[in-house]
Full PDB file with SEQRES, HELIX, SHEET, SSBOND, CRYST1, ORIGX, SCALE, CONECT and MASTER records, all heavy atoms in Angstrom:
SEQRES   1 A   37  MET VAL GLY ARG HIS TYR MET CYS HIS ASN ASN ALA ALA          
SEQRES   2 A   37  ILE VAL ALA LEU SER LEU GLU LYS ASN PRO VAL LEU PHE          
SEQRES   3 A   37  GLN LYS THR LEU ALA LEU ASN ASP PHE TYR HIS                  
CRYST1    1.000    1.000    1.000  90.00  90.00  90.00 P 1           1          
ORIGX1      1.000000  0.000000  0.000000        0.00000                         
ORIGX2      0.000000  1.000000  0.000000        0.00000                         
ORIGX3      0.000000  0.000000  1.000000        0.00000                         
SCALE1      1.000000  0.000000  0.000000        0.00000                         
SCALE2      0.000000  1.000000  0.000000        0.00000                         
SCALE3      0.000000  0.000000  1.000000        0.00000                         
ATOM      1  N   MET A   1       0.802  -1.222   0.000  1.00  0.00           N  
ATOM      2  CA  MET A   1       0.000   0.000   0.000  1.00  0.00           C  
ATOM      3  C   MET A   1       0.836   1.273   0.000  1.00  0.00           C  
ATOM      4  O   MET A   1       0.297   2.362  -0.166  1.00  0.00           O  
ATOM      5  CB  MET A   1      -0.936   0.023   1.229  1.00  0.00           C  
ATOM      6  CG  MET A   1      -2.099  -0.947   1.161  1.00  0.00           C  
ATOM      7  SD  MET A   1      -3.315  -0.474  -0.101  1.00  0.00           S  
ATOM      8  CE  MET A   1      -2.994  -1.720  -1.346  1.00  0.00           C  
ATOM      9  N   VAL A   2       2.158   1.143   0.206  1.00  0.00           N  
ATOM     10  CA  VAL A   2       2.991   2.349   0.245  1.00  0.00           C  
ATOM     11  C   VAL A   2       2.927   3.056  -1.104  1.00  0.00           C  
ATOM     12  O   VAL A   2       3.185   2.465  -2.149  1.00  0.00           O  
ATOM     13  CB  VAL A   2       4.452   2.005   0.600  1.00  0.00           C  
ATOM     14  CG1 VAL A   2       5.357   3.224   0.409  1.00  0.00           C  
ATOM     15  CG2 VAL A   2       4.544   1.528   2.035  1.00  0.00           C  
ATOM     16  N   GLY A   3       2.562   4.317  -1.070  1.00  0.00           N  
ATOM     17  CA  GLY A   3       2.471   5.101  -2.290  1.00  0.00           C  
ATOM     18  C   GLY A   3       1.140   5.015  -3.004  1.00  0.00           C  
ATOM     19  O   GLY A   3       0.906   5.732  -3.971  1.00  0.00           O  
ATOM     20  N   ARG A   4       0.259   4.151  -2.524  1.00  0.00           N  
ATOM     21  CA  ARG A   4      -1.048   4.012  -3.175  1.00  0.00           C  
ATOM     22  C   ARG A   4      -2.093   4.882  -2.462  1.00  0.00           C  
ATOM     23  O   ARG A   4      -1.949   5.244  -1.304  1.00  0.00           O  
ATOM     24  CB  ARG A   4      -1.514   2.557  -3.170  1.00  0.00           C  
ATOM     25  CG  ARG A   4      -0.582   1.601  -3.895  1.00  0.00           C  
ATOM     26  CD  ARG A   4      -1.215   0.233  -4.023  1.00  0.00           C  
ATOM     27  NE  ARG A   4      -0.287  -0.757  -4.552  1.00  0.00           N  
ATOM     28  CZ  ARG A   4      -0.033  -0.924  -5.847  1.00  0.00           C  
ATOM     29  NH1 ARG A   4      -0.636  -0.152  -6.741  1.00  0.00           N  
ATOM     30  NH2 ARG A   4       0.821  -1.839  -6.252  1.00  0.00           N  
ATOM     31  N   HIS A   5      -3.175   5.185  -3.161  1.00  0.00           N  
ATOM     32  CA  HIS A   5      -4.333   5.881  -2.593  1.00  0.00           C  
ATOM     33  C   HIS A   5      -3.976   7.258  -2.046  1.00  0.00           C  
ATOM     34  O   HIS A   5      -4.581   7.744  -1.090  1.00  0.00           O  
ATOM     35  CB  HIS A   5      -5.006   5.031  -1.504  1.00  0.00           C  
ATOM     36  CG  HIS A   5      -5.350   3.647  -1.954  1.00  0.00           C  
ATOM     37  ND1 HIS A   5      -6.196   3.409  -3.005  1.00  0.00           N  
ATOM     38  CD2 HIS A   5      -4.943   2.430  -1.506  1.00  0.00           C  
ATOM     39  CE1 HIS A   5      -6.308   2.110  -3.192  1.00  0.00           C  
ATOM     40  NE2 HIS A   5      -5.545   1.496  -2.306  1.00  0.00           N  
ATOM     41  N   TYR A   6      -2.991   7.878  -2.657  1.00  0.00           N  
ATOM     42  CA  TYR A   6      -2.623   9.239  -2.244  1.00  0.00           C  
ATOM     43  C   TYR A   6      -3.720  10.211  -2.650  1.00  0.00           C  
ATOM     44  O   TYR A   6      -4.232  10.155  -3.766  1.00  0.00           O  
ATOM     45  CB  TYR A   6      -1.302   9.633  -2.910  1.00  0.00           C  
ATOM     46  CG  TYR A   6      -0.942  11.090  -2.759  1.00  0.00           C  
ATOM     47  CD1 TYR A   6      -0.634  11.624  -1.513  1.00  0.00           C  
ATOM     48  CD2 TYR A   6      -0.901  11.932  -3.858  1.00  0.00           C  
ATOM     49  CE1 TYR A   6      -0.301  12.956  -1.366  1.00  0.00           C  
ATOM     50  CE2 TYR A   6      -0.564  13.273  -3.732  1.00  0.00           C  
ATOM     51  CZ  TYR A   6      -0.251  13.768  -2.478  1.00  0.00           C  
ATOM     52  OH  TYR A   6       0.074  15.087  -2.339  1.00  0.00           O  
ATOM     53  N   MET A   7      -4.101  11.065  -1.729  1.00  0.00           N  
ATOM     54  CA  MET A   7      -5.082  12.106  -2.033  1.00  0.00           C  
ATOM     55  C   MET A   7      -4.409  13.463  -1.933  1.00  0.00           C  
ATOM     56  O   MET A   7      -3.899  13.837  -0.878  1.00  0.00           O  
ATOM     57  CB  MET A   7      -6.270  12.062  -1.075  1.00  0.00           C  
ATOM     58  CG  MET A   7      -7.384  13.025  -1.469  1.00  0.00           C  
ATOM     59  SD  MET A   7      -8.737  13.065  -0.280  1.00  0.00           S  
ATOM     60  CE  MET A   7      -8.013  14.038   1.028  1.00  0.00           C  
ATOM     61  N   CYS A   8      -4.369  14.179  -3.027  1.00  0.00           N  
ATOM     62  CA  CYS A   8      -3.719  15.479  -3.057  1.00  0.00           C  
ATOM     63  C   CYS A   8      -4.572  16.533  -2.358  1.00  0.00           C  
ATOM     64  O   CYS A   8      -5.779  16.351  -2.181  1.00  0.00           O  
ATOM     65  CB  CYS A   8      -3.475  15.890  -4.518  1.00  0.00           C  
ATOM     66  SG  CYS A   8      -2.544  17.417  -4.697  1.00  0.00           S  
ATOM     67  N   HIS A   9      -3.926  17.591  -1.962  1.00  0.00           N  
ATOM     68  CA  HIS A   9      -4.642  18.751  -1.417  1.00  0.00           C  
ATOM     69  C   HIS A   9      -5.449  19.364  -2.553  1.00  0.00           C  
ATOM     70  O   HIS A   9      -4.895  19.917  -3.505  1.00  0.00           O  
ATOM     71  CB  HIS A   9      -3.625  19.754  -0.875  1.00  0.00           C  
ATOM     72  CG  HIS A   9      -4.193  21.083  -0.497  1.00  0.00           C  
ATOM     73  ND1 HIS A   9      -5.424  21.228   0.099  1.00  0.00           N  
ATOM     74  CD2 HIS A   9      -3.691  22.332  -0.620  1.00  0.00           C  
ATOM     75  CE1 HIS A   9      -5.651  22.511   0.317  1.00  0.00           C  
ATOM     76  NE2 HIS A   9      -4.618  23.199  -0.121  1.00  0.00           N  
ATOM     77  N   ASN A  10      -6.760  19.212  -2.480  1.00  0.00           N  
ATOM     78  CA  ASN A  10      -7.622  19.664  -3.574  1.00  0.00           C  
ATOM     79  C   ASN A  10      -7.866  21.166  -3.497  1.00  0.00           C  
ATOM     80  O   ASN A  10      -8.191  21.700  -2.444  1.00  0.00           O  
ATOM     81  CB  ASN A  10      -8.976  18.931  -3.523  1.00  0.00           C  
ATOM     82  CG  ASN A  10      -8.812  17.451  -3.808  1.00  0.00           C  
ATOM     83  OD1 ASN A  10      -8.117  17.085  -4.742  1.00  0.00           O  
ATOM     84  ND2 ASN A  10      -9.440  16.608  -3.008  1.00  0.00           N  
ATOM     85  N   ASN A  11      -7.710  21.809  -4.614  1.00  0.00           N  
ATOM     86  CA  ASN A  11      -7.974  23.238  -4.698  1.00  0.00           C  
ATOM     87  C   ASN A  11      -9.158  23.490  -5.616  1.00  0.00           C  
ATOM     88  O   ASN A  11      -9.274  22.890  -6.682  1.00  0.00           O  
ATOM     89  CB  ASN A  11      -6.757  23.985  -5.264  1.00  0.00           C  
ATOM     90  CG  ASN A  11      -5.629  24.074  -4.259  1.00  0.00           C  
ATOM     91  OD1 ASN A  11      -5.841  24.487  -3.133  1.00  0.00           O  
ATOM     92  ND2 ASN A  11      -4.441  23.677  -4.652  1.00  0.00           N  
ATOM     93  N   ALA A  12     -10.038  24.335  -5.199  1.00  0.00           N  
ATOM     94  CA  ALA A  12     -11.155  24.759  -6.037  1.00  0.00           C  
ATOM     95  C   ALA A  12     -11.316  26.263  -5.869  1.00  0.00           C  
ATOM     96  O   ALA A  12     -10.886  26.835  -4.868  1.00  0.00           O  
ATOM     97  CB  ALA A  12     -12.444  24.044  -5.643  1.00  0.00           C  
ATOM     98  N   ALA A  13     -11.895  26.879  -6.845  1.00  0.00           N  
ATOM     99  CA  ALA A  13     -12.051  28.332  -6.784  1.00  0.00           C  
ATOM    100  C   ALA A  13     -13.499  28.712  -7.041  1.00  0.00           C  
ATOM    101  O   ALA A  13     -14.176  28.108  -7.875  1.00  0.00           O  
ATOM    102  CB  ALA A  13     -11.150  29.001  -7.816  1.00  0.00           C  
ATOM    103  N   ILE A  14     -13.973  29.677  -6.287  1.00  0.00           N  
ATOM    104  CA  ILE A  14     -15.275  30.278  -6.533  1.00  0.00           C  
ATOM    105  C   ILE A  14     -15.018  31.721  -6.976  1.00  0.00           C  
ATOM    106  O   ILE A  14     -14.369  32.485  -6.259  1.00  0.00           O  
ATOM    107  CB  ILE A  14     -16.152  30.269  -5.266  1.00  0.00           C  
ATOM    108  CG1 ILE A  14     -16.419  28.828  -4.817  1.00  0.00           C  
ATOM    109  CG2 ILE A  14     -17.468  30.990  -5.529  1.00  0.00           C  
ATOM    110  CD1 ILE A  14     -17.165  28.735  -3.500  1.00  0.00           C  
ATOM    111  N   VAL A  15     -15.485  32.054  -8.148  1.00  0.00           N  
ATOM    112  CA  VAL A  15     -15.276  33.393  -8.681  1.00  0.00           C  
ATOM    113  C   VAL A  15     -16.588  34.164  -8.601  1.00  0.00           C  
ATOM    114  O   VAL A  15     -17.629  33.683  -9.046  1.00  0.00           O  
ATOM    115  CB  VAL A  15     -14.788  33.350 -10.142  1.00  0.00           C  
ATOM    116  CG1 VAL A  15     -14.617  34.752 -10.693  1.00  0.00           C  
ATOM    117  CG2 VAL A  15     -13.468  32.585 -10.232  1.00  0.00           C  
ATOM    118  N   ALA A  16     -16.533  35.323  -7.996  1.00  0.00           N  
ATOM    119  CA  ALA A  16     -17.727  36.161  -7.864  1.00  0.00           C  
ATOM    120  C   ALA A  16     -17.455  37.524  -8.484  1.00  0.00           C  
ATOM    121  O   ALA A  16     -16.365  38.083  -8.341  1.00  0.00           O  
ATOM    122  CB  ALA A  16     -18.106  36.317  -6.389  1.00  0.00           C  
ATOM    123  N   LEU A  17     -18.435  38.033  -9.181  1.00  0.00           N  
ATOM    124  CA  LEU A  17     -18.336  39.366  -9.764  1.00  0.00           C  
ATOM    125  C   LEU A  17     -19.073  40.355  -8.869  1.00  0.00           C  
ATOM    126  O   LEU A  17     -20.150  40.059  -8.349  1.00  0.00           O  
ATOM    127  CB  LEU A  17     -18.937  39.387 -11.164  1.00  0.00           C  
ATOM    128  CG  LEU A  17     -18.287  38.446 -12.175  1.00  0.00           C  
ATOM    129  CD1 LEU A  17     -19.015  38.525 -13.511  1.00  0.00           C  
ATOM    130  CD2 LEU A  17     -16.816  38.774 -12.357  1.00  0.00           C  
ATOM    131  N   SER A  18     -18.467  41.496  -8.683  1.00  0.00           N  
ATOM    132  CA  SER A  18     -19.059  42.482  -7.802  1.00  0.00           C  
ATOM    133  C   SER A  18     -18.911  43.876  -8.412  1.00  0.00           C  
ATOM    134  O   SER A  18     -17.930  44.159  -9.111  1.00  0.00           O  
ATOM    135  CB  SER A  18     -18.382  42.451  -6.428  1.00  0.00           C  
ATOM    136  OG  SER A  18     -18.835  43.507  -5.617  1.00  0.00           O  
ATOM    137  N   LEU A  19     -19.882  44.726  -8.137  1.00  0.00           N  
ATOM    138  CA  LEU A  19     -19.800  46.107  -8.592  1.00  0.00           C  
ATOM    139  C   LEU A  19     -18.910  46.938  -7.670  1.00  0.00           C  
ATOM    140  O   LEU A  19     -18.505  48.044  -8.020  1.00  0.00           O  
ATOM    141  CB  LEU A  19     -21.204  46.723  -8.647  1.00  0.00           C  
ATOM    142  CG  LEU A  19     -22.160  46.079  -9.662  1.00  0.00           C  
ATOM    143  CD1 LEU A  19     -23.541  46.733  -9.565  1.00  0.00           C  
ATOM    144  CD2 LEU A  19     -21.612  46.206 -11.072  1.00  0.00           C  
ATOM    145  N   GLU A  20     -18.627  46.372  -6.490  1.00  0.00           N  
ATOM    146  CA  GLU A  20     -17.751  47.066  -5.543  1.00  0.00           C  
ATOM    147  C   GLU A  20     -16.292  46.682  -5.783  1.00  0.00           C  
ATOM    148  O   GLU A  20     -15.989  45.554  -6.156  1.00  0.00           O  
ATOM    149  CB  GLU A  20     -18.117  46.702  -4.104  1.00  0.00           C  
ATOM    150  CG  GLU A  20     -19.486  47.165  -3.663  1.00  0.00           C  
ATOM    151  CD  GLU A  20     -19.718  46.795  -2.201  1.00  0.00           C  
ATOM    152  OE1 GLU A  20     -18.846  47.130  -1.373  1.00  0.00           O  
ATOM    153  OE2 GLU A  20     -20.748  46.179  -1.913  1.00  0.00           O  
ATOM    154  N   LYS A  21     -15.399  47.619  -5.542  1.00  0.00           N  
ATOM    155  CA  LYS A  21     -13.985  47.311  -5.611  1.00  0.00           C  
ATOM    156  C   LYS A  21     -13.606  46.397  -4.451  1.00  0.00           C  
ATOM    157  O   LYS A  21     -14.232  46.428  -3.390  1.00  0.00           O  
ATOM    158  CB  LYS A  21     -13.149  48.598  -5.549  1.00  0.00           C  
ATOM    159  CG  LYS A  21     -12.993  49.292  -6.887  1.00  0.00           C  
ATOM    160  CD  LYS A  21     -11.945  50.389  -6.779  1.00  0.00           C  
ATOM    161  CE  LYS A  21     -11.659  50.977  -8.160  1.00  0.00           C  
ATOM    162  NZ  LYS A  21     -10.576  51.998  -8.093  1.00  0.00           N  
ATOM    163  N   ASN A  22     -12.583  45.608  -4.678  1.00  0.00           N  
ATOM    164  CA  ASN A  22     -12.097  44.745  -3.616  1.00  0.00           C  
ATOM    165  C   ASN A  22     -10.722  45.247  -3.169  1.00  0.00           C  
ATOM    166  O   ASN A  22      -9.696  44.893  -3.754  1.00  0.00           O  
ATOM    167  CB  ASN A  22     -11.995  43.303  -4.107  1.00  0.00           C  
ATOM    168  CG  ASN A  22     -11.511  42.361  -3.008  1.00  0.00           C  
ATOM    169  OD1 ASN A  22     -11.427  42.743  -1.844  1.00  0.00           O  
ATOM    170  ND2 ASN A  22     -11.187  41.136  -3.378  1.00  0.00           N  
ATOM    171  N   PRO A  23     -10.659  46.056  -2.130  1.00  0.00           N  
ATOM    172  CA  PRO A  23      -9.389  46.642  -1.696  1.00  0.00           C  
ATOM    173  C   PRO A  23      -8.646  45.773  -0.678  1.00  0.00           C  
ATOM    174  O   PRO A  23      -7.666  46.227  -0.080  1.00  0.00           O  
ATOM    175  CB  PRO A  23      -9.836  47.954  -1.041  1.00  0.00           C  
ATOM    176  CG  PRO A  23     -11.166  47.598  -0.437  1.00  0.00           C  
ATOM    177  CD  PRO A  23     -11.799  46.575  -1.347  1.00  0.00           C  
ATOM    178  N   VAL A  24      -9.120  44.544  -0.487  1.00  0.00           N  
ATOM    179  CA  VAL A  24      -8.572  43.704   0.584  1.00  0.00           C  
ATOM    180  C   VAL A  24      -7.114  43.339   0.291  1.00  0.00           C  
ATOM    181  O   VAL A  24      -6.757  42.971  -0.828  1.00  0.00           O  
ATOM    182  CB  VAL A  24      -9.413  42.426   0.748  1.00  0.00           C  
ATOM    183  CG1 VAL A  24      -8.806  41.518   1.807  1.00  0.00           C  
ATOM    184  CG2 VAL A  24     -10.839  42.781   1.121  1.00  0.00           C  
ATOM    185  N   LEU A  25      -6.273  43.426   1.310  1.00  0.00           N  
ATOM    186  CA  LEU A  25      -4.886  42.991   1.205  1.00  0.00           C  
ATOM    187  C   LEU A  25      -4.716  41.602   1.818  1.00  0.00           C  
ATOM    188  O   LEU A  25      -4.383  40.653   1.133  1.00  0.00           O  
ATOM    189  CB  LEU A  25      -3.963  43.995   1.902  1.00  0.00           C  
ATOM    190  CG  LEU A  25      -3.891  45.391   1.274  1.00  0.00           C  
ATOM    191  CD1 LEU A  25      -2.994  46.304   2.111  1.00  0.00           C  
ATOM    192  CD2 LEU A  25      -3.363  45.308  -0.150  1.00  0.00           C  
ATOM    193  N   PHE A  26      -4.967  41.501   3.108  1.00  0.00           N  
ATOM    194  CA  PHE A  26      -4.840  40.212   3.796  1.00  0.00           C  
ATOM    195  C   PHE A  26      -6.214  39.546   3.787  1.00  0.00           C  
ATOM    196  O   PHE A  26      -7.020  39.744   4.691  1.00  0.00           O  
ATOM    197  CB  PHE A  26      -4.330  40.427   5.227  1.00  0.00           C  
ATOM    198  CG  PHE A  26      -3.849  39.170   5.892  1.00  0.00           C  
ATOM    199  CD1 PHE A  26      -2.522  38.781   5.773  1.00  0.00           C  
ATOM    200  CD2 PHE A  26      -4.707  38.366   6.618  1.00  0.00           C  
ATOM    201  CE1 PHE A  26      -2.071  37.612   6.388  1.00  0.00           C  
ATOM    202  CE2 PHE A  26      -4.271  37.209   7.231  1.00  0.00           C  
ATOM    203  CZ  PHE A  26      -2.938  36.836   7.115  1.00  0.00           C  
ATOM    204  N   GLN A  27      -6.482  38.775   2.743  1.00  0.00           N  
ATOM    205  CA  GLN A  27      -7.840  38.303   2.504  1.00  0.00           C  
ATOM    206  C   GLN A  27      -8.151  36.969   3.171  1.00  0.00           C  
ATOM    207  O   GLN A  27      -9.311  36.582   3.276  1.00  0.00           O  
ATOM    208  CB  GLN A  27      -8.078  38.175   0.988  1.00  0.00           C  
ATOM    209  CG  GLN A  27      -7.663  36.872   0.333  1.00  0.00           C  
ATOM    210  CD  GLN A  27      -6.166  36.671   0.230  1.00  0.00           C  
ATOM    211  OE1 GLN A  27      -5.402  37.563   0.546  1.00  0.00           O  
ATOM    212  NE2 GLN A  27      -5.745  35.511  -0.204  1.00  0.00           N  
ATOM    213  N   LYS A  28      -7.130  36.244   3.629  1.00  0.00           N  
ATOM    214  CA  LYS A  28      -7.367  34.867   4.069  1.00  0.00           C  
ATOM    215  C   LYS A  28      -7.743  34.809   5.540  1.00  0.00           C  
ATOM    216  O   LYS A  28      -6.984  34.349   6.398  1.00  0.00           O  
ATOM    217  CB  LYS A  28      -6.128  34.018   3.804  1.00  0.00           C  
ATOM    218  CG  LYS A  28      -6.416  32.540   3.740  1.00  0.00           C  
ATOM    219  CD  LYS A  28      -5.274  31.771   3.119  1.00  0.00           C  
ATOM    220  CE  LYS A  28      -5.632  30.300   3.021  1.00  0.00           C  
ATOM    221  NZ  LYS A  28      -4.566  29.515   2.365  1.00  0.00           N  
ATOM    222  N   THR A  29      -8.968  35.276   5.841  1.00  0.00           N  
ATOM    223  CA  THR A  29      -9.419  35.292   7.234  1.00  0.00           C  
ATOM    224  C   THR A  29     -10.785  34.636   7.422  1.00  0.00           C  
ATOM    225  O   THR A  29     -11.209  34.413   8.550  1.00  0.00           O  
ATOM    226  CB  THR A  29      -9.516  36.745   7.753  1.00  0.00           C  
ATOM    227  OG1 THR A  29     -10.428  37.484   6.930  1.00  0.00           O  
ATOM    228  CG2 THR A  29      -8.158  37.423   7.721  1.00  0.00           C  
ATOM    229  N   LEU A  30     -11.474  34.324   6.350  1.00  0.00           N  
ATOM    230  CA  LEU A  30     -12.844  33.805   6.430  1.00  0.00           C  
ATOM    231  C   LEU A  30     -12.883  32.353   5.984  1.00  0.00           C  
ATOM    232  O   LEU A  30     -12.232  31.965   5.014  1.00  0.00           O  
ATOM    233  CB  LEU A  30     -13.767  34.655   5.547  1.00  0.00           C  
ATOM    234  CG  LEU A  30     -15.268  34.334   5.541  1.00  0.00           C  
ATOM    235  CD1 LEU A  30     -16.057  35.613   5.245  1.00  0.00           C  
ATOM    236  CD2 LEU A  30     -15.622  33.283   4.487  1.00  0.00           C  
ATOM    237  N   ALA A  31     -13.670  31.536   6.688  1.00  0.00           N  
ATOM    238  CA  ALA A  31     -13.832  30.125   6.325  1.00  0.00           C  
ATOM    239  C   ALA A  31     -15.289  29.724   6.460  1.00  0.00           C  
ATOM    240  O   ALA A  31     -16.076  30.363   7.172  1.00  0.00           O  
ATOM    241  CB  ALA A  31     -12.955  29.251   7.217  1.00  0.00           C  
ATOM    242  N   LEU A  32     -15.654  28.652   5.764  1.00  0.00           N  
ATOM    243  CA  LEU A  32     -17.029  28.145   5.789  1.00  0.00           C  
ATOM    244  C   LEU A  32     -16.983  26.631   5.631  1.00  0.00           C  
ATOM    245  O   LEU A  32     -16.422  26.127   4.662  1.00  0.00           O  
ATOM    246  CB  LEU A  32     -17.842  28.763   4.647  1.00  0.00           C  
ATOM    247  CG  LEU A  32     -19.333  28.449   4.623  1.00  0.00           C  
ATOM    248  CD1 LEU A  32     -20.052  29.229   5.715  1.00  0.00           C  
ATOM    249  CD2 LEU A  32     -19.920  28.786   3.252  1.00  0.00           C  
ATOM    250  N   ASN A  33     -17.546  25.919   6.590  1.00  0.00           N  
ATOM    251  CA  ASN A  33     -17.565  24.455   6.534  1.00  0.00           C  
ATOM    252  C   ASN A  33     -18.995  23.910   6.433  1.00  0.00           C  
ATOM    253  O   ASN A  33     -19.232  22.742   6.735  1.00  0.00           O  
ATOM    254  CB  ASN A  33     -16.890  23.864   7.777  1.00  0.00           C  
ATOM    255  CG  ASN A  33     -15.396  23.689   7.576  1.00  0.00           C  
ATOM    256  OD1 ASN A  33     -14.902  23.641   6.453  1.00  0.00           O  
ATOM    257  ND2 ASN A  33     -14.662  23.592   8.673  1.00  0.00           N  
ATOM    258  N   ASP A  34     -19.919  24.740   6.000  1.00  0.00           N  
ATOM    259  CA  ASP A  34     -21.313  24.296   5.931  1.00  0.00           C  
ATOM    260  C   ASP A  34     -21.497  23.102   4.999  1.00  0.00           C  
ATOM    261  O   ASP A  34     -22.478  22.357   5.114  1.00  0.00           O  
ATOM    262  CB  ASP A  34     -22.209  25.444   5.455  1.00  0.00           C  
ATOM    263  CG  ASP A  34     -22.375  26.523   6.512  1.00  0.00           C  
ATOM    264  OD1 ASP A  34     -21.608  26.507   7.486  1.00  0.00           O  
ATOM    265  OD2 ASP A  34     -23.260  27.378   6.358  1.00  0.00           O  
ATOM    266  N   PHE A  35     -20.578  22.923   4.065  1.00  0.00           N  
ATOM    267  CA  PHE A  35     -20.703  21.837   3.099  1.00  0.00           C  
ATOM    268  C   PHE A  35     -19.629  20.772   3.308  1.00  0.00           C  
ATOM    269  O   PHE A  35     -19.339  19.990   2.409  1.00  0.00           O  
ATOM    270  CB  PHE A  35     -20.616  22.416   1.673  1.00  0.00           C  
ATOM    271  CG  PHE A  35     -21.547  23.581   1.471  1.00  0.00           C  
ATOM    272  CD1 PHE A  35     -21.066  24.882   1.475  1.00  0.00           C  
ATOM    273  CD2 PHE A  35     -22.909  23.380   1.317  1.00  0.00           C  
ATOM    274  CE1 PHE A  35     -21.919  25.953   1.312  1.00  0.00           C  
ATOM    275  CE2 PHE A  35     -23.771  24.455   1.158  1.00  0.00           C  
ATOM    276  CZ  PHE A  35     -23.282  25.743   1.151  1.00  0.00           C  
ATOM    277  N   TYR A  36     -19.081  20.751   4.519  1.00  0.00           N  
ATOM    278  CA  TYR A  36     -18.030  19.777   4.831  1.00  0.00           C  
ATOM    279  C   TYR A  36     -18.584  18.361   4.762  1.00  0.00           C  
ATOM    280  O   TYR A  36     -17.938  17.433   4.302  1.00  0.00           O  
ATOM    281  CB  TYR A  36     -17.490  20.063   6.228  1.00  0.00           C  
ATOM    282  CG  TYR A  36     -16.158  19.388   6.544  1.00  0.00           C  
ATOM    283  CD1 TYR A  36     -14.956  20.007   6.218  1.00  0.00           C  
ATOM    284  CD2 TYR A  36     -16.110  18.161   7.166  1.00  0.00           C  
ATOM    285  CE1 TYR A  36     -13.749  19.406   6.512  1.00  0.00           C  
ATOM    286  CE2 TYR A  36     -14.910  17.549   7.463  1.00  0.00           C  
ATOM    287  CZ  TYR A  36     -13.723  18.174   7.133  1.00  0.00           C  
ATOM    288  OH  TYR A  36     -12.519  17.564   7.423  1.00  0.00           O  
ATOM    289  N   HIS A  37     -19.798  18.195   5.260  1.00  0.00           N  
ATOM    290  CA  HIS A  37     -20.485  16.899   5.193  1.00  0.00           C  
ATOM    291  C   HIS A  37     -21.720  17.048   4.312  1.00  0.00           C  
ATOM    292  O   HIS A  37     -22.116  18.143   3.913  1.00  0.00           O  
ATOM    293  CB  HIS A  37     -20.913  16.439   6.586  1.00  0.00           C  
ATOM    294  CG  HIS A  37     -19.780  16.388   7.566  1.00  0.00           C  
ATOM    295  ND1 HIS A  37     -18.604  15.723   7.315  1.00  0.00           N  
ATOM    296  CD2 HIS A  37     -19.639  16.927   8.812  1.00  0.00           C  
ATOM    297  CE1 HIS A  37     -17.794  15.841   8.355  1.00  0.00           C  
ATOM    298  NE2 HIS A  37     -18.398  16.579   9.273  1.00  0.00           N  
TER     299      HIS A  37                                                      
MASTER        0    0    0    0    0    0    0    6  298    1    0    3          
END                                                                             
């Protein structure tokens, strides 16, 4: 089993369009796990 069934860190992106400018610098502060299960 060594080396088998490896699961990579999955990345997905949600793109949203907004009429407001996004001036955020340090953006990585919000999380949501509502769809974890």
